[in-house]
Amino acid sequence: MKDEELDGLRARLDAHHDWPSEYMFKFISPNELQRVEAILAVFPEGTPVERKLSGGGKYISLTIREVVTDADAVFSRYRQVQAIGGIFAL
């Protein structure tokens, strides 16, 4: 993502959140244990996670709620998950 796009997203996040704030991360991943574990490893142990399988069970949706300090912490989590590969972030 380009710097100006990040700046715009940061401004929108800052307008809607008083940091620190709980942020809801949502990912869709192939339903593979290794990928799911890699996603969860990005977040602190004990972070609440909701899981929902797709109708055919091929994909899993992960909703993760974490208290983060600022927009840059949100960006950091998304970058770490993006590095896993094959994951859709919503």
Protein backbone atom coordinates (compact mmCIF):
# COMPACT_ATOMS: atom_id res chain seq x y z
CA MET A 1 0.00 0.00 0.00
CA LYS A 2 1.32 3.44 -0.89
CA ASP A 3 2.17 6.00 1.79
CA GLU A 4 -0.70 8.31 0.83
CA GLU A 5 -3.16 5.40 1.01
CA LEU A 6 -1.85 4.48 4.46
CA ASP A 7 -2.13 8.09 5.58
CA GLY A 8 -5.78 8.19 4.47
CA LEU A 9 -6.55 4.91 6.19
CA ARG A 10 -4.73 6.06 9.34
CA ALA A 11 -6.81 9.25 9.39
CA ARG A 12 -10.06 7.26 9.07
CA LEU A 13 -9.02 4.86 11.83
CA ASP A 14 -8.00 7.73 14.08
CA ALA A 15 -11.36 9.42 13.45
CA HIS A 16 -13.29 6.32 14.54
CA HIS A 17 -11.16 5.06 17.42
CA ASP A 18 -9.87 6.52 20.67
CA TRP A 19 -6.58 4.69 21.11
CA PRO A 20 -5.96 2.35 22.78
CA SER A 21 -9.06 0.65 21.45
CA GLU A 22 -10.41 -2.78 20.65
CA TYR A 23 -10.06 -3.49 16.95
CA MET A 24 -11.78 -6.30 15.08
CA PHE A 25 -9.58 -8.12 12.58
CA LYS A 26 -11.26 -10.46 10.11
CA PHE A 27 -9.50 -12.99 7.90
CA ILE A 28 -10.61 -15.72 5.53
CA SER A 29 -8.17 -18.58 5.11
CA PRO A 30 -8.11 -22.01 3.57
CA ASN A 31 -9.16 -24.37 6.35
CA GLU A 32 -5.64 -25.66 6.91
CA LEU A 33 -4.33 -26.08 10.45
CA GLN A 34 -0.89 -24.70 9.59
CA ARG A 35 -2.26 -21.45 8.15
CA VAL A 36 -4.78 -20.95 10.95
CA GLU A 37 -2.06 -21.48 13.55
CA ALA A 38 0.23 -19.03 11.71
CA ILE A 39 -2.49 -16.37 11.79
CA LEU A 40 -3.20 -16.92 15.47
CA ALA A 41 0.53 -16.75 16.28
CA VAL A 42 0.52 -13.11 15.12
CA PHE A 43 -1.73 -12.19 18.04
CA PRO A 44 -1.07 -12.42 21.79
CA GLU A 45 -2.01 -15.69 23.43
CA GLY A 46 -5.52 -15.59 24.83
CA THR A 47 -6.82 -13.06 22.29
CA PRO A 48 -10.52 -13.82 21.63
CA VAL A 49 -11.10 -15.59 18.29
CA GLU A 50 -14.38 -16.49 16.62
CA ARG A 51 -14.17 -19.21 13.96
CA LYS A 52 -16.71 -20.01 11.30
CA LEU A 53 -16.35 -22.64 8.58
CA SER A 54 -17.65 -22.08 5.08
CA GLY A 55 -20.55 -24.22 3.92
CA GLY A 56 -18.26 -26.75 2.26
CA GLY A 57 -15.63 -26.55 4.99
CA LYS A 58 -12.90 -25.51 2.56
CA TYR A 59 -12.42 -22.06 4.16
CA ILE A 60 -12.50 -20.66 7.66
CA SER A 61 -13.33 -17.15 8.79
CA LEU A 62 -11.43 -15.83 11.79
CA THR A 63 -12.66 -12.79 13.70
CA ILE A 64 -10.06 -11.63 16.17
CA ARG A 65 -10.59 -8.81 18.65
CA GLU A 66 -7.53 -7.18 20.17
CA VAL A 67 -6.91 -3.97 22.06
CA VAL A 68 -4.30 -2.08 20.05
CA THR A 69 -2.47 1.16 20.81
CA ASP A 70 -2.84 2.94 17.47
CA ALA A 71 -3.45 2.62 13.73
CA ASP A 72 0.16 1.58 13.15
CA ALA A 73 -0.39 -1.46 15.39
CA VAL A 74 -3.36 -2.40 13.18
CA PHE A 75 -1.19 -2.06 10.06
CA SER A 76 1.52 -4.17 11.66
CA ARG A 77 -0.87 -7.06 12.35
CA TYR A 78 -2.18 -6.99 8.78
CA ARG A 79 1.36 -6.97 7.35
CA GLN A 80 2.33 -9.97 9.48
CA VAL A 81 -0.72 -11.95 8.35
CA GLN A 82 -0.20 -10.90 4.73
CA ALA A 83 3.29 -12.44 4.88
CA ILE A 84 1.70 -15.87 5.54
CA GLY A 85 0.18 -15.87 2.06
CA GLY A 86 -3.15 -17.09 0.76
CA ILE A 87 -5.15 -15.15 3.37
CA PHE A 88 -7.90 -12.64 2.62
CA ALA A 89 -8.17 -9.70 5.01
CA LEU A 90 -11.49 -7.92 5.36
